[in-house]
């Protein structure tokens, strides 16, 4: 939070509001303007800036779960929904998950 609220270190609340007001996302690239500066970055660049990995981000955003296969997806659904007798995979709301699973997602 310090990065976003400390005007000496990061950006101020007003700068952050301006960023979101001017923000657009097109084909995975974020663009915005803050104080006349044009910003442009994608998930990989943002990950580098923040020091966090971005691998798999594109699959997560598209919610493409086909890579898992039906059996594995059903296994995850049973575990996350805490319903071992499910016969088909389905989406699971975070509110229905155990606290640890909510944290992971």
C-alpha atoms as a PDB file:
ATOM      1  CA  UNK A   1       0.000   0.000   0.000  1.00  0.00           C
ATOM      2  CA  UNK A   2       2.924   2.314   0.646  1.00  0.00           C
ATOM      3  CA  UNK A   3       3.765   2.280  -3.051  1.00  0.00           C
ATOM      4  CA  UNK A   4       0.286   3.543  -3.915  1.00  0.00           C
ATOM      5  CA  UNK A   5      -0.270   6.043  -1.106  1.00  0.00           C
ATOM      6  CA  UNK A   6       3.149   7.476  -0.189  1.00  0.00           C
ATOM      7  CA  UNK A   7       3.671  10.460  -2.527  1.00  0.00           C
ATOM      8  CA  UNK A   8       7.402  10.454  -1.784  1.00  0.00           C
ATOM      9  CA  UNK A   9       7.893   6.839  -2.793  1.00  0.00           C
ATOM     10  CA  UNK A  10       5.186   5.780  -5.221  1.00  0.00           C
ATOM     11  CA  UNK A  11       2.063   7.357  -6.590  1.00  0.00           C
ATOM     12  CA  UNK A  12      -0.585   9.241  -4.683  1.00  0.00           C
ATOM     13  CA  UNK A  13      -4.251   8.333  -4.370  1.00  0.00           C
ATOM     14  CA  UNK A  14      -5.042  11.010  -6.979  1.00  0.00           C
ATOM     15  CA  UNK A  15      -2.484   9.514  -9.384  1.00  0.00           C
ATOM     16  CA  UNK A  16      -3.955   6.075  -8.871  1.00  0.00           C
ATOM     17  CA  UNK A  17      -7.475   7.399  -9.519  1.00  0.00           C
ATOM     18  CA  UNK A  18      -6.237   9.086 -12.714  1.00  0.00           C
ATOM     19  CA  UNK A  19      -4.550   5.846 -13.786  1.00  0.00           C
ATOM     20  CA  UNK A  20      -7.814   3.886 -13.446  1.00  0.00           C
ATOM     21  CA  UNK A  21      -9.897   6.645 -15.056  1.00  0.00           C
ATOM     22  CA  UNK A  22      -7.670   6.538 -18.163  1.00  0.00           C
ATOM     23  CA  UNK A  23      -6.952   2.808 -18.127  1.00  0.00           C
ATOM     24  CA  UNK A  24      -7.687   0.554 -21.091  1.00  0.00           C
ATOM     25  CA  UNK A  25      -6.745  -3.094 -21.678  1.00  0.00           C
ATOM     26  CA  UNK A  26      -6.423  -4.289 -25.262  1.00  0.00           C
ATOM     27  CA  UNK A  27      -5.072  -7.721 -26.182  1.00  0.00           C
ATOM     28  CA  UNK A  28      -3.418  -8.052 -22.776  1.00  0.00           C
ATOM     29  CA  UNK A  29      -1.683  -4.654 -22.926  1.00  0.00           C
ATOM     30  CA  UNK A  30      -2.599  -2.015 -20.340  1.00  0.00           C
ATOM     31  CA  UNK A  31      -2.421   1.617 -21.381  1.00  0.00           C
ATOM     32  CA  UNK A  32      -3.123   4.736 -19.344  1.00  0.00           C
ATOM     33  CA  UNK A  33      -2.011   8.300 -18.808  1.00  0.00           C
ATOM     34  CA  UNK A  34      -1.018   9.845 -15.472  1.00  0.00           C
ATOM     35  CA  UNK A  35       0.113  13.459 -15.150  1.00  0.00           C
ATOM     36  CA  UNK A  36       0.725  13.591 -18.889  1.00  0.00           C
ATOM     37  CA  UNK A  37       2.904  10.444 -18.893  1.00  0.00           C
ATOM     38  CA  UNK A  38       1.751   7.638 -21.158  1.00  0.00           C
ATOM     39  CA  UNK A  39       2.007   4.197 -19.568  1.00  0.00           C
ATOM     40  CA  UNK A  40       1.998   0.906 -21.451  1.00  0.00           C
ATOM     41  CA  UNK A  41       2.746  -2.562 -20.050  1.00  0.00           C
ATOM     42  CA  UNK A  42       1.704  -6.180 -20.255  1.00  0.00           C
ATOM     43  CA  UNK A  43       1.558  -8.925 -17.595  1.00  0.00           C
ATOM     44  CA  UNK A  44       5.200  -9.899 -18.114  1.00  0.00           C
ATOM     45  CA  UNK A  45       6.463  -6.317 -17.725  1.00  0.00           C
ATOM     46  CA  UNK A  46       4.248  -5.743 -14.684  1.00  0.00           C
ATOM     47  CA  UNK A  47       5.531  -8.968 -13.139  1.00  0.00           C
ATOM     48  CA  UNK A  48       9.116  -7.794 -13.627  1.00  0.00           C
ATOM     49  CA  UNK A  49       8.316  -4.395 -12.127  1.00  0.00           C
ATOM     50  CA  UNK A  50       6.615  -5.895  -9.063  1.00  0.00           C
ATOM     51  CA  UNK A  51       9.007  -8.824  -8.758  1.00  0.00           C
ATOM     52  CA  UNK A  52       6.310 -11.490  -9.138  1.00  0.00           C
ATOM     53  CA  UNK A  53       6.044 -14.276 -11.739  1.00  0.00           C
ATOM     54  CA  UNK A  54       3.587 -13.863 -14.597  1.00  0.00           C
ATOM     55  CA  UNK A  55       3.807 -17.331 -16.157  1.00  0.00           C
ATOM     56  CA  UNK A  56       0.357 -18.735 -16.830  1.00  0.00           C
ATOM     57  CA  UNK A  57      -1.358 -15.354 -16.553  1.00  0.00           C
ATOM     58  CA  UNK A  58      -2.740 -15.524 -20.089  1.00  0.00           C
ATOM     59  CA  UNK A  59      -4.310 -18.941 -19.440  1.00  0.00           C
ATOM     60  CA  UNK A  60      -5.815 -17.689 -16.152  1.00  0.00           C
ATOM     61  CA  UNK A  61      -7.329 -14.606 -17.797  1.00  0.00           C
ATOM     62  CA  UNK A  62      -8.894 -16.638 -20.585  1.00  0.00           C
ATOM     63  CA  UNK A  63     -10.023 -19.180 -18.024  1.00  0.00           C
ATOM     64  CA  UNK A  64      -8.866 -21.892 -20.423  1.00  0.00           C
ATOM     65  CA  UNK A  65      -9.100 -25.009 -18.325  1.00  0.00           C
ATOM     66  CA  UNK A  66      -8.938 -27.436 -21.241  1.00  0.00           C
ATOM     67  CA  UNK A  67      -5.224 -27.901 -20.599  1.00  0.00           C
ATOM     68  CA  UNK A  68      -6.105 -29.788 -17.397  1.00  0.00           C
ATOM     69  CA  UNK A  69      -8.214 -32.489 -19.009  1.00  0.00           C
ATOM     70  CA  UNK A  70     -11.639 -33.624 -17.798  1.00  0.00           C
ATOM     71  CA  UNK A  71     -10.468 -36.017 -15.063  1.00  0.00           C
ATOM     72  CA  UNK A  72      -8.072 -33.530 -13.459  1.00  0.00           C
ATOM     73  CA  UNK A  73     -10.635 -30.723 -13.661  1.00  0.00           C
ATOM     74  CA  UNK A  74     -13.227 -32.939 -11.962  1.00  0.00           C
ATOM     75  CA  UNK A  75     -10.687 -33.788  -9.256  1.00  0.00           C
ATOM     76  CA  UNK A  76     -10.040 -30.086  -8.587  1.00  0.00           C
ATOM     77  CA  UNK A  77     -13.769 -29.306  -8.540  1.00  0.00           C
ATOM     78  CA  UNK A  78     -14.462 -32.069  -6.014  1.00  0.00           C
ATOM     79  CA  UNK A  79     -11.668 -30.849  -3.753  1.00  0.00           C
ATOM     80  CA  UNK A  80     -12.428 -27.125  -3.971  1.00  0.00           C
ATOM     81  CA  UNK A  81     -16.198 -27.596  -3.598  1.00  0.00           C
ATOM     82  CA  UNK A  82     -15.614 -30.140  -0.813  1.00  0.00           C
ATOM     83  CA  UNK A  83     -18.038 -32.495  -2.565  1.00  0.00           C
ATOM     84  CA  UNK A  84     -16.263 -35.787  -3.310  1.00  0.00           C
ATOM     85  CA  UNK A  85     -19.297 -37.319  -5.051  1.00  0.00           C
ATOM     86  CA  UNK A  86     -19.647 -34.744  -7.871  1.00  0.00           C
ATOM     87  CA  UNK A  87     -19.874 -36.379 -11.282  1.00  0.00           C
ATOM     88  CA  UNK A  88     -19.165 -33.304 -13.445  1.00  0.00           C
ATOM     89  CA  UNK A  89     -16.812 -30.372 -13.037  1.00  0.00           C
ATOM     90  CA  UNK A  90     -18.286 -26.927 -12.491  1.00  0.00           C
ATOM     91  CA  UNK A  91     -17.260 -23.517 -11.259  1.00  0.00           C
ATOM     92  CA  UNK A  92     -16.846 -23.065  -7.516  1.00  0.00           C
ATOM     93  CA  UNK A  93     -17.483 -19.734  -5.814  1.00  0.00           C
ATOM     94  CA  UNK A  94     -14.687 -18.543  -3.540  1.00  0.00           C
ATOM     95  CA  UNK A  95     -17.152 -18.169  -0.674  1.00  0.00           C
ATOM     96  CA  UNK A  96     -17.769 -21.924  -0.793  1.00  0.00           C
ATOM     97  CA  UNK A  97     -14.068 -22.794  -0.574  1.00  0.00           C
ATOM     98  CA  UNK A  98     -11.997 -23.499   2.505  1.00  0.00           C
ATOM     99  CA  UNK A  99      -9.986 -20.456   3.688  1.00  0.00           C
ATOM    100  CA  UNK A 100      -6.692 -21.876   2.386  1.00  0.00           C
ATOM    101  CA  UNK A 101      -8.165 -22.429  -1.078  1.00  0.00           C
ATOM    102  CA  UNK A 102      -9.560 -18.878  -1.071  1.00  0.00           C
ATOM    103  CA  UNK A 103      -6.097 -17.580  -0.302  1.00  0.00           C
ATOM    104  CA  UNK A 104      -4.609 -19.509  -3.219  1.00  0.00           C
ATOM    105  CA  UNK A 105      -7.132 -18.041  -5.645  1.00  0.00           C
END
